[in-house]
C-alpha atoms as a PDB file:
ATOM      1  CA  MET A   1      -6.457   6.660 -21.332  1.00  0.00           C
ATOM      2  CA  ASP A   2      -6.736  10.253 -22.995  1.00  0.00           C
ATOM      3  CA  ARG A   3      -6.496  12.978 -20.244  1.00  0.00           C
ATOM      4  CA  ARG A   4      -8.972  14.970 -22.611  1.00  0.00           C
ATOM      5  CA  THR A   5     -11.661  12.572 -21.801  1.00  0.00           C
ATOM      6  CA  ILE A   6     -11.370  12.802 -18.069  1.00  0.00           C
ATOM      7  CA  HIS A   7     -13.900  15.218 -16.490  1.00  0.00           C
ATOM      8  CA  SER A   8     -14.594  13.372 -13.186  1.00  0.00           C
ATOM      9  CA  PRO A   9     -13.702  10.399 -11.240  1.00  0.00           C
ATOM     10  CA  GLU A  10     -16.508   8.352 -13.045  1.00  0.00           C
ATOM     11  CA  ASP A  11     -14.467   8.685 -16.224  1.00  0.00           C
ATOM     12  CA  PHE A  12     -11.596   6.592 -15.004  1.00  0.00           C
ATOM     13  CA  ILE A  13     -12.185   5.020 -11.375  1.00  0.00           C
ATOM     14  CA  GLN A  14     -12.766   1.229 -10.969  1.00  0.00           C
ATOM     15  CA  PRO A  15     -15.175   1.004  -8.024  1.00  0.00           C
ATOM     16  CA  ALA A  16     -14.560  -1.905  -5.291  1.00  0.00           C
ATOM     17  CA  SER A  17     -17.180  -4.441  -4.835  1.00  0.00           C
ATOM     18  CA  SER A  18     -19.589  -1.925  -3.341  1.00  0.00           C
ATOM     19  CA  ASP A  19     -19.915  -0.291  -6.963  1.00  0.00           C
ATOM     20  CA  LYS A  20     -19.593   3.115  -5.287  1.00  0.00           C
ATOM     21  CA  VAL A  21     -17.144   5.305  -7.515  1.00  0.00           C
ATOM     22  CA  GLU A  22     -15.802   6.812  -4.440  1.00  0.00           C
ATOM     23  CA  SER A  23     -14.442   3.329  -3.301  1.00  0.00           C
ATOM     24  CA  GLY A  24     -11.803   3.516  -5.882  1.00  0.00           C
ATOM     25  CA  CYS A  25     -10.473   6.988  -4.812  1.00  0.00           C
ATOM     26  CA  PHE A  26      -8.010   7.872  -2.182  1.00  0.00           C
ATOM     27  CA  GLY A  27      -9.040   8.301   1.445  1.00  0.00           C
ATOM     28  CA  MET A  28     -11.454   6.544   3.891  1.00  0.00           C
ATOM     29  CA  VAL A  29     -13.729   5.231   1.101  1.00  0.00           C
ATOM     30  CA  ARG A  30     -13.959   1.565   1.848  1.00  0.00           C
ATOM     31  CA  ASP A  31     -16.319  -0.336   4.219  1.00  0.00           C
ATOM     32  CA  ASN A  32     -18.730   2.673   4.799  1.00  0.00           C
ATOM     33  CA  HIS A  33     -15.952   4.969   5.192  1.00  0.00           C
ATOM     34  CA  ARG A  34     -14.253   2.914   7.910  1.00  0.00           C
ATOM     35  CA  ARG A  35     -11.206   1.558   5.817  1.00  0.00           C
ATOM     36  CA  PHE A  36      -8.481   3.572   4.252  1.00  0.00           C
ATOM     37  CA  HIS A  37      -7.401   3.187   0.550  1.00  0.00           C
ATOM     38  CA  GLU A  38      -3.868   4.730  -0.223  1.00  0.00           C
ATOM     39  CA  GLY A  39      -4.175   5.256  -3.887  1.00  0.00           C
ATOM     40  CA  LEU A  40      -6.456   5.139  -7.083  1.00  0.00           C
ATOM     41  CA  ASP A  41      -7.890   2.422  -8.752  1.00  0.00           C
ATOM     42  CA  ILE A  42      -7.958   3.059 -12.448  1.00  0.00           C
ATOM     43  CA  ARG A  43     -10.147   0.807 -14.741  1.00  0.00           C
ATOM     44  CA  PRO A  44      -9.178  -0.567 -18.076  1.00  0.00           C
ATOM     45  CA  SER A  45     -10.149   1.132 -21.219  1.00  0.00           C
ATOM     46  CA  LEU A  46      -9.618  -1.852 -23.442  1.00  0.00           C
ATOM     47  CA  VAL A  47     -10.374  -5.468 -22.809  1.00  0.00           C
ATOM     48  CA  ASN A  48     -10.126  -8.570 -25.104  1.00  0.00           C
ATOM     49  CA  ASN A  49     -12.573 -11.231 -26.064  1.00  0.00           C
ATOM     50  CA  ASN A  50     -11.902 -13.073 -22.860  1.00  0.00           C
ATOM     51  CA  GLY A  51     -12.555 -10.035 -20.757  1.00  0.00           C
ATOM     52  CA  GLU A  52      -8.901  -9.399 -19.715  1.00  0.00           C
ATOM     53  CA  PRO A  53      -7.572  -5.875 -19.808  1.00  0.00           C
ATOM     54  CA  THR A  54      -5.061  -4.980 -22.591  1.00  0.00           C
ATOM     55  CA  ASP A  55      -4.044  -1.656 -21.422  1.00  0.00           C
ATOM     56  CA  LEU A  56      -0.348  -0.848 -21.153  1.00  0.00           C
ATOM     57  CA  ILE A  57       0.941   0.791 -18.029  1.00  0.00           C
ATOM     58  CA  PHE A  58       3.365   3.676 -18.586  1.00  0.00           C
ATOM     59  CA  SER A  59       5.719   5.311 -16.163  1.00  0.00           C
ATOM     60  CA  ALA A  60       4.197   8.586 -14.534  1.00  0.00           C
ATOM     61  CA  MET A  61       7.626  10.318 -14.459  1.00  0.00           C
ATOM     62  CA  ALA A  62      11.204   9.978 -15.388  1.00  0.00           C
ATOM     63  CA  GLY A  63      12.759   7.777 -12.864  1.00  0.00           C
ATOM     64  CA  GLN A  64      14.478   4.500 -11.755  1.00  0.00           C
ATOM     65  CA  VAL A  65      13.233   1.124 -11.046  1.00  0.00           C
ATOM     66  CA  ALA A  66      13.309   0.616  -7.237  1.00  0.00           C
ATOM     67  CA  TYR A  67      11.419  -2.676  -6.695  1.00  0.00           C
ATOM     68  CA  ILE A  68       9.703  -5.545  -8.791  1.00  0.00           C
ATOM     69  CA  ASN A  69       7.566  -8.052  -7.097  1.00  0.00           C
ATOM     70  CA  GLN A  70       6.446 -10.911  -9.429  1.00  0.00           C
ATOM     71  CA  GLY A  71       4.851 -13.070  -6.778  1.00  0.00           C
ATOM     72  CA  LEU A  72       1.148 -13.402  -5.553  1.00  0.00           C
ATOM     73  CA  ASN A  73       2.497 -12.804  -1.952  1.00  0.00           C
ATOM     74  CA  GLY A  74       0.366  -9.983  -0.821  1.00  0.00           C
ATOM     75  CA  PRO A  75      -2.701  -7.868  -1.814  1.00  0.00           C
ATOM     76  CA  TYR A  76      -0.854  -5.814  -4.367  1.00  0.00           C
ATOM     77  CA  GLY A  77      -0.162  -9.000  -6.610  1.00  0.00           C
ATOM     78  CA  LYS A  78       2.379  -8.401  -9.209  1.00  0.00           C
ATOM     79  CA  TYR A  79       3.637  -4.833  -8.853  1.00  0.00           C
ATOM     80  CA  ILE A  80       6.415  -2.431  -9.416  1.00  0.00           C
ATOM     81  CA  ILE A  81       7.754   0.696  -7.806  1.00  0.00           C
ATOM     82  CA  LEU A  82       9.702   3.535  -9.301  1.00  0.00           C
ATOM     83  CA  VAL A  83      11.533   6.385  -7.594  1.00  0.00           C
ATOM     84  CA  HIS A  84      11.907   9.825  -9.145  1.00  0.00           C
ATOM     85  CA  PRO A  85      14.811  11.691  -8.072  1.00  0.00           C
ATOM     86  CA  GLN A  86      14.312  14.193 -10.813  1.00  0.00           C
ATOM     87  CA  ALA A  87      11.075  15.427  -9.184  1.00  0.00           C
ATOM     88  CA  GLU A  88      11.258  18.319  -6.713  1.00  0.00           C
ATOM     89  CA  ILE A  89      10.917  15.658  -4.061  1.00  0.00           C
ATOM     90  CA  PRO A  90      12.168  12.120  -4.856  1.00  0.00           C
ATOM     91  CA  VAL A  91       8.697  10.535  -4.416  1.00  0.00           C
ATOM     92  CA  TYR A  92       7.877   6.901  -5.419  1.00  0.00           C
ATOM     93  CA  THR A  93       5.017   5.720  -7.702  1.00  0.00           C
ATOM     94  CA  LEU A  94       3.674   2.293  -7.138  1.00  0.00           C
ATOM     95  CA  TYR A  95       1.827   0.301 -10.004  1.00  0.00           C
ATOM     96  CA  ALA A  96      -0.091  -2.784  -8.649  1.00  0.00           C
ATOM     97  CA  HIS A  97      -2.332  -5.688  -9.599  1.00  0.00           C
ATOM     98  CA  LEU A  98      -0.336  -6.207 -12.864  1.00  0.00           C
ATOM     99  CA  ALA A  99      -0.869  -9.066 -15.303  1.00  0.00           C
ATOM    100  CA  THR A 100       2.630  -8.760 -16.421  1.00  0.00           C
ATOM    101  CA  ILE A 101       5.867  -6.705 -15.893  1.00  0.00           C
ATOM    102  CA  ASP A 102       8.151  -5.890 -18.712  1.00  0.00           C
ATOM    103  CA  SER A 103      10.758  -8.769 -18.414  1.00  0.00           C
ATOM    104  CA  SER A 104      13.688  -6.545 -19.387  1.00  0.00           C
ATOM    105  CA  LEU A 105      13.327  -4.258 -16.497  1.00  0.00           C
ATOM    106  CA  ARG A 106      15.765  -4.527 -13.603  1.00  0.00           C
ATOM    107  CA  VAL A 107      16.094  -2.679 -10.314  1.00  0.00           C
ATOM    108  CA  GLY A 108      18.228   0.342 -10.967  1.00  0.00           C
ATOM    109  CA  ASP A 109      17.296   0.984 -14.608  1.00  0.00           C
ATOM    110  CA  SER A 110      16.587   4.413 -15.738  1.00  0.00           C
ATOM    111  CA  ILE A 111      13.523   5.110 -17.627  1.00  0.00           C
ATOM    112  CA  PRO A 112      11.812   8.015 -19.089  1.00  0.00           C
ATOM    113  CA  ARG A 113       8.381   9.272 -18.416  1.00  0.00           C
ATOM    114  CA  GLY A 114       5.874   7.652 -20.559  1.00  0.00           C
ATOM    115  CA  LYS A 115       7.894   4.351 -20.995  1.00  0.00           C
ATOM    116  CA  PRO A 116       5.539   1.086 -21.087  1.00  0.00           C
ATOM    117  CA  ILE A 117       6.494  -1.025 -18.033  1.00  0.00           C
ATOM    118  CA  ALA A 118       3.568  -3.400 -17.546  1.00  0.00           C
ATOM    119  CA  LEU A 119       0.153  -4.720 -18.571  1.00  0.00           C
ATOM    120  CA  MET A 120      -2.877  -3.970 -16.440  1.00  0.00           C
ATOM    121  CA  GLY A 121      -4.299  -6.995 -14.682  1.00  0.00           C
ATOM    122  CA  HIS A 122      -6.176  -8.120 -11.579  1.00  0.00           C
ATOM    123  CA  THR A 123      -3.517 -10.140  -9.694  1.00  0.00           C
ATOM    124  CA  SER A 124      -3.512  -9.943  -5.817  1.00  0.00           C
ATOM    125  CA  MET A 125      -2.740 -12.520  -3.185  1.00  0.00           C
ATOM    126  CA  ALA A 126      -3.581 -16.007  -4.342  1.00  0.00           C
ATOM    127  CA  SER A 127      -6.006 -16.583  -1.472  1.00  0.00           C
ATOM    128  CA  SER A 128      -7.997 -13.412  -2.589  1.00  0.00           C
ATOM    129  CA  PRO A 129      -8.082 -12.987  -6.144  1.00  0.00           C
ATOM    130  CA  ILE A 130      -9.770 -10.055  -7.894  1.00  0.00           C
ATOM    131  CA  PRO A 131     -12.204 -10.809 -10.512  1.00  0.00           C
ATOM    132  CA  LYS A 132     -11.440  -9.900 -14.100  1.00  0.00           C
ATOM    133  CA  ASP A 133     -14.603  -7.593 -14.295  1.00  0.00           C
ATOM    134  CA  ARG A 134     -12.940  -5.410 -11.540  1.00  0.00           C
ATOM    135  CA  ALA A 135      -9.481  -5.450 -13.102  1.00  0.00           C
ATOM    136  CA  HIS A 136      -7.637  -2.177 -12.598  1.00  0.00           C
ATOM    137  CA  LEU A 137      -4.270  -0.308 -11.936  1.00  0.00           C
ATOM    138  CA  HIS A 138      -3.793   0.444  -8.302  1.00  0.00           C
ATOM    139  CA  PHE A 139      -1.736   3.686  -8.461  1.00  0.00           C
ATOM    140  CA  GLU A 140       0.005   5.226  -5.608  1.00  0.00           C
ATOM    141  CA  VAL A 141       2.397   8.219  -5.043  1.00  0.00           C
ATOM    142  CA  GLY A 142       4.264   9.027  -1.841  1.00  0.00           C
ATOM    143  CA  VAL A 143       7.256   8.952   0.353  1.00  0.00           C
ATOM    144  CA  ARG A 144       9.425   6.328   2.068  1.00  0.00           C
ATOM    145  CA  LEU A 145       9.399   6.561   5.920  1.00  0.00           C
ATOM    146  CA  SER A 146      13.094   5.020   6.720  1.00  0.00           C
ATOM    147  CA  ASP A 147      15.984   3.230   5.447  1.00  0.00           C
ATOM    148  CA  SER A 148      16.029   1.354   8.649  1.00  0.00           C
ATOM    149  CA  PHE A 149      12.574  -0.254   8.271  1.00  0.00           C
ATOM    150  CA  ASN A 150      14.071  -3.644   8.473  1.00  0.00           C
ATOM    151  CA  GLN A 151      15.596  -2.885  11.876  1.00  0.00           C
ATOM    152  CA  TRP A 152      12.217  -1.856  13.163  1.00  0.00           C
ATOM    153  CA  TYR A 153      10.320  -4.689  11.546  1.00  0.00           C
ATOM    154  CA  LYS A 154      12.646  -7.363  13.203  1.00  0.00           C
ATOM    155  CA  GLN A 155      12.489  -5.675  16.475  1.00  0.00           C
ATOM    156  CA  LYS A 156       8.706  -5.147  16.359  1.00  0.00           C
ATOM    157  CA  LEU A 157       7.116  -7.852  14.117  1.00  0.00           C
ATOM    158  CA  GLY A 158       9.983  -9.979  13.104  1.00  0.00           C
ATOM    159  CA  LYS A 159       8.880 -13.429  13.203  1.00  0.00           C
ATOM    160  CA  GLU A 160       9.983 -16.602  11.258  1.00  0.00           C
ATOM    161  CA  GLU A 161       6.410 -17.221  10.028  1.00  0.00           C
ATOM    162  CA  SER A 162       6.014 -13.504   8.728  1.00  0.00           C
ATOM    163  CA  PRO A 163       9.359 -12.387   7.159  1.00  0.00           C
ATOM    164  CA  ASN A 164       9.855  -9.076   5.607  1.00  0.00           C
ATOM    165  CA  ILE A 165      10.076 -10.066   2.052  1.00  0.00           C
ATOM    166  CA  HIS A 166       9.839  -6.684   0.377  1.00  0.00           C
ATOM    167  CA  GLY A 167      12.587  -4.920   2.234  1.00  0.00           C
ATOM    168  CA  VAL A 168      12.359  -1.027   2.647  1.00  0.00           C
ATOM    169  CA  TRP A 169       9.484  -1.158   0.086  1.00  0.00           C
ATOM    170  CA  ASN A 170       7.164  -2.838   2.476  1.00  0.00           C
ATOM    171  CA  GLY A 171       3.758  -1.260   2.584  1.00  0.00           C
ATOM    172  CA  GLN A 172       4.186  -0.294   6.117  1.00  0.00           C
ATOM    173  CA  ASN A 173       7.277   1.849   5.148  1.00  0.00           C
ATOM    174  CA  LEU A 174       5.384   3.654   2.382  1.00  0.00           C
ATOM    175  CA  THR A 175       2.873   6.473   2.833  1.00  0.00           C
ATOM    176  CA  GLY A 176       1.126   8.337   0.077  1.00  0.00           C
ATOM    177  CA  PHE A 177      -1.125  11.140  -0.842  1.00  0.00           C
ATOM    178  CA  ASP A 178      -3.886  11.730  -3.307  1.00  0.00           C
ATOM    179  CA  PRO A 179      -2.418  11.459  -6.747  1.00  0.00           C
ATOM    180  CA  THR A 180      -5.366  12.777  -8.497  1.00  0.00           C
ATOM    181  CA  ASN A 181      -3.735  16.318  -9.245  1.00  0.00           C
ATOM    182  CA  LEU A 182      -0.622  14.594 -10.665  1.00  0.00           C
ATOM    183  CA  LEU A 183      -2.840  12.745 -13.160  1.00  0.00           C
ATOM    184  CA  ALA A 184      -4.786  15.689 -13.962  1.00  0.00           C
ATOM    185  CA  SER A 185      -1.746  17.807 -15.036  1.00  0.00           C
ATOM    186  CA  THR A 186       1.754  17.599 -16.378  1.00  0.00           C
ATOM    187  CA  SER A 187       3.104  20.464 -14.545  1.00  0.00           C
ATOM    188  CA  VAL A 188       2.567  19.792 -10.819  1.00  0.00           C
ATOM    189  CA  ASN A 189       5.300  20.716  -8.411  1.00  0.00           C
ATOM    190  CA  VAL A 190       5.443  17.680  -6.284  1.00  0.00           C
ATOM    191  CA  ALA A 191       7.207  19.519  -3.168  1.00  0.00           C
ATOM    192  CA  GLU A 192       4.775  22.436  -3.370  1.00  0.00           C
ATOM    193  CA  LEU A 193       1.760  19.889  -3.577  1.00  0.00           C
ATOM    194  CA  ILE A 194       3.099  17.925  -0.360  1.00  0.00           C
ATOM    195  CA  ARG A 195       3.632  21.175   1.636  1.00  0.00           C
ATOM    196  CA  SER A 196       0.274  22.385   0.537  1.00  0.00           C
ATOM    197  CA  LEU A 197      -1.569  19.356   2.061  1.00  0.00           C
ATOM    198  CA  PRO A 198      -3.571  20.326   5.319  1.00  0.00           C
ATOM    199  CA  THR A 199      -1.868  19.845   8.595  1.00  0.00           C
ATOM    200  CA  ALA A 200      -4.108  17.882  10.821  1.00  0.00           C
ATOM    201  CA  LEU A 201      -1.782  16.984  13.663  1.00  0.00           C
ATOM    202  CA  ALA A 202       1.885  17.641  14.936  1.00  0.00           C
ATOM    203  CA  VAL A 203       4.036  15.880  17.092  1.00  0.00           C
ATOM    204  CA  THR A 204       7.324  16.750  18.854  1.00  0.00           C
ATOM    205  CA  VAL A 205      10.093  14.354  19.092  1.00  0.00           C
ATOM    206  CA  ARG A 206      13.240  14.603  21.347  1.00  0.00           C
ATOM    207  CA  THR A 207      16.428  13.358  19.884  1.00  0.00           C
ATOM    208  CA  ASN A 208      19.846  14.598  18.931  1.00  0.00           C
ATOM    209  CA  ARG A 209      20.096  12.373  15.894  1.00  0.00           C
ATOM    210  CA  THR A 210      18.909  13.019  12.525  1.00  0.00           C
ATOM    211  CA  PRO A 211      16.253  10.778  10.738  1.00  0.00           C
ATOM    212  CA  ASP A 212      17.221   9.606   7.291  1.00  0.00           C
ATOM    213  CA  PHE A 213      13.796  10.922   6.093  1.00  0.00           C
ATOM    214  CA  VAL A 214      15.161  14.366   6.918  1.00  0.00           C
ATOM    215  CA  LYS A 215      18.260  13.691   4.671  1.00  0.00           C
ATOM    216  CA  ARG A 216      16.106  12.088   1.879  1.00  0.00           C
ATOM    217  CA  TYR A 217      13.501  14.995   1.638  1.00  0.00           C
ATOM    218  CA  PRO A 218      15.253  18.115   2.583  1.00  0.00           C
ATOM    219  CA  LYS A 219      12.667  20.173   0.909  1.00  0.00           C
ATOM    220  CA  LEU A 220      10.195  19.234   3.731  1.00  0.00           C
ATOM    221  CA  VAL A 221      12.581  20.544   6.335  1.00  0.00           C
ATOM    222  CA  VAL A 222      12.745  23.803   8.158  1.00  0.00           C
ATOM    223  CA  GLY A 223      15.777  24.808  10.156  1.00  0.00           C
ATOM    224  CA  ASP A 224      19.088  23.238  10.657  1.00  0.00           C
ATOM    225  CA  PRO A 225      19.273  19.486  11.254  1.00  0.00           C
ATOM    226  CA  SER A 226      22.837  19.483  12.478  1.00  0.00           C
ATOM    227  CA  THR A 227      21.673  21.441  15.502  1.00  0.00           C
ATOM    228  CA  ALA A 228      18.555  19.978  16.253  1.00  0.00           C
ATOM    229  CA  ALA A 229      17.683  18.542  19.543  1.00  0.00           C
ATOM    230  CA  GLY A 230      14.280  17.390  18.333  1.00  0.00           C
ATOM    231  CA  TRP A 231      11.655  17.864  15.891  1.00  0.00           C
ATOM    232  CA  TYR A 232       8.165  19.535  15.498  1.00  0.00           C
ATOM    233  CA  ILE A 233       6.611  17.270  12.771  1.00  0.00           C
ATOM    234  CA  GLU A 234       3.350  18.083  11.004  1.00  0.00           C
ATOM    235  CA  PHE A 235       1.302  15.098   9.494  1.00  0.00           C
ATOM    236  CA  THR A 236      -1.559  15.070   7.272  1.00  0.00           C
ATOM    237  CA  TRP A 237      -4.946  13.384   8.639  1.00  0.00           C
ATOM    238  CA  HIS A 238      -3.960   9.990   7.215  1.00  0.00           C
ATOM    239  CA  GLY A 239      -0.326   9.980   8.712  1.00  0.00           C
ATOM    240  CA  MET A 240       2.061  11.291   6.194  1.00  0.00           C
ATOM    241  CA  PRO A 241       4.796  13.415   7.513  1.00  0.00           C
ATOM    242  CA  LYS A 242       4.673  16.643   5.432  1.00  0.00           C
ATOM    243  CA  ARG A 243       6.864  19.333   7.131  1.00  0.00           C
ATOM    244  CA  TRP A 244       9.801  18.952   9.753  1.00  0.00           C
ATOM    245  CA  THR A 245      10.970  22.065  11.717  1.00  0.00           C
ATOM    246  CA  ALA A 246      14.262  21.484  13.657  1.00  0.00           C
ATOM    247  CA  LEU A 247      14.143  22.227  17.361  1.00  0.00           C
ATOM    248  CA  PRO A 248      17.317  23.544  18.954  1.00  0.00           C
ATOM    249  CA  ALA A 249      18.474  22.706  22.546  1.00  0.00           C
ATOM    250  CA  GLY A 250      16.355  24.798  25.012  1.00  0.00           C
ATOM    251  CA  SER A 251      13.336  25.037  22.767  1.00  0.00           C
ATOM    252  CA  SER A 252      10.094  25.132  24.864  1.00  0.00           C
ATOM    253  CA  GLN A 253       8.547  22.904  22.408  1.00  0.00           C
ATOM    254  CA  LEU A 254      10.912  20.076  23.125  1.00  0.00           C
ATOM    255  CA  PRO A 255       8.795  17.286  24.985  1.00  0.00           C
ATOM    256  CA  ALA A 256       9.532  16.068  28.252  1.00  0.00           C
ATOM    257  CA  THR A 257       9.209  12.530  26.896  1.00  0.00           C
ATOM    258  CA  SER A 258      10.641  11.283  23.688  1.00  0.00           C
ATOM    259  CA  PHE A 259       7.278  11.684  21.788  1.00  0.00           C
ATOM    260  CA  GLN A 260       4.005  13.571  22.161  1.00  0.00           C
ATOM    261  CA  ILE A 261       1.161  15.222  20.225  1.00  0.00           C
ATOM    262  CA  ALA A 262       1.730  18.933  20.107  1.00  0.00           C
ATOM    263  CA  ALA A 263      -1.074  20.290  17.953  1.00  0.00           C
ATOM    264  CA  LEU A 264      -4.356  18.917  16.637  1.00  0.00           C
ATOM    265  CA  ASP A 265      -6.989  20.261  14.168  1.00  0.00           C
ATOM    266  CA  ASN A 266     -10.261  18.897  15.414  1.00  0.00           C
ATOM    267  CA  ARG A 267     -11.690  19.214  11.874  1.00  0.00           C
ATOM    268  CA  TYR A 268      -9.920  16.012  11.024  1.00  0.00           C
ATOM    269  CA  LYS A 269     -10.351  14.152  14.424  1.00  0.00           C
ATOM    270  CA  ASP A 270     -12.982  11.851  13.284  1.00  0.00           C
ATOM    271  CA  SER A 271     -10.988  10.775  10.130  1.00  0.00           C
ATOM    272  CA  MET A 272      -7.910  10.301  12.292  1.00  0.00           C
ATOM    273  CA  VAL A 273      -9.751   8.144  14.787  1.00  0.00           C
ATOM    274  CA  LEU A 274     -11.048   5.854  12.009  1.00  0.00           C
ATOM    275  CA  ARG A 275      -7.447   5.857  10.420  1.00  0.00           C
ATOM    276  CA  LYS A 276      -5.992   4.955  13.910  1.00  0.00           C
ATOM    277  CA  ILE A 277      -3.713   8.092  13.904  1.00  0.00           C
ATOM    278  CA  LEU A 278      -5.667   8.926  17.218  1.00  0.00           C
ATOM    279  CA  THR A 279      -7.003   6.698  19.938  1.00  0.00           C
ATOM    280  CA  PRO A 280     -10.683   6.028  19.929  1.00  0.00           C
ATOM    281  CA  ASP A 281     -11.077   8.836  22.385  1.00  0.00           C
ATOM    282  CA  GLY A 282      -9.403  11.296  19.968  1.00  0.00           C
ATOM    283  CA  ARG A 283      -6.810  12.373  22.769  1.00  0.00           C
ATOM    284  CA  GLY A 284      -3.804  10.294  22.253  1.00  0.00           C
ATOM    285  CA  PRO A 285      -1.495   8.816  19.573  1.00  0.00           C
ATOM    286  CA  GLY A 286      -3.115   5.894  17.813  1.00  0.00           C
ATOM    287  CA  GLU A 287      -1.420   2.860  16.687  1.00  0.00           C
ATOM    288  CA  ASN A 288      -0.791   3.991  13.249  1.00  0.00           C
ATOM    289  CA  LEU A 289       0.857   7.357  14.300  1.00  0.00           C
ATOM    290  CA  THR A 290       2.768   5.601  16.852  1.00  0.00           C
ATOM    291  CA  GLN A 291       4.038   2.994  14.274  1.00  0.00           C
ATOM    292  CA  ASN A 292       5.040   5.697  11.673  1.00  0.00           C
ATOM    293  CA  VAL A 293       6.854   7.618  14.370  1.00  0.00           C
ATOM    294  CA  GLU A 294       8.708   4.492  15.342  1.00  0.00           C
ATOM    295  CA  ILE A 295       9.717   3.932  11.906  1.00  0.00           C
ATOM    296  CA  LEU A 296      10.753   7.353  11.063  1.00  0.00           C
ATOM    297  CA  PHE A 297      13.196   7.455  13.960  1.00  0.00           C
ATOM    298  CA  ALA A 298      14.307   3.749  13.596  1.00  0.00           C
ATOM    299  CA  ASN A 299      17.888   4.925  12.659  1.00  0.00           C
ATOM    300  CA  CYS A 300      17.978   6.999  15.717  1.00  0.00           C
ATOM    301  CA  ARG A 301      17.905   4.335  18.386  1.00  0.00           C
ATOM    302  CA  ASN A 302      21.140   3.662  20.300  1.00  0.00           C
END
């Protein structure tokens, strides 16, 4: 799709079954604004005589292949994840609902920006297929919460009937931001973009161990992690950690307990309640915020 032809979401977004363009955008856009969509759904520009999309999918940035899923074992269907160490922050990009993935690609392969990696499709889990007239690319950009996700999963959710087949690339370990600006320009500074996202909520966590998130994304960190007795962590309204401040021993901001809400912007309260970042009364940490904090500090448990 030629960027020069894009002037508004109507020019490239594939709506969900509601046929509302916003339903294919990022945010609380599904089920009458009650369900979160973590990415953009980009419609095909070309289809064949059978109505199947023929659009090639290209790598958004130079990077490496991190994960390839060829099975119909989840809502993403066939998908591929790339990581981008050369970006200002090593974000991931995710490309889902693919018809096929380049069979020559292997995890660890380095690829340039603009390399064809797949063909657009409408794959999903076998029990919930996407009709071909709503074929699209689900595109995400974001950060990975923890290298110790498997440890958290086994302790919290690990059951034989629901094994974690996707490893650290499980969707519960990924949190994204609106990629619209990345698609609209070729010169976006990813670190500045993440830091500029509004802070909707902050939590404080008491620990003298360093989360691997801090080591992976040092440009989101303020202060010296080696002397931290805890952290002041700023989150977006949808639960993405965007700024970490190291708290030294003796800081008045250190919580009496291991984790508590330290600041809240009421302008985002309704969205955070719907997203389950806050409890229904808007006063306490909701299940999604609690889960993200648990995963972030999974490597800090004794």
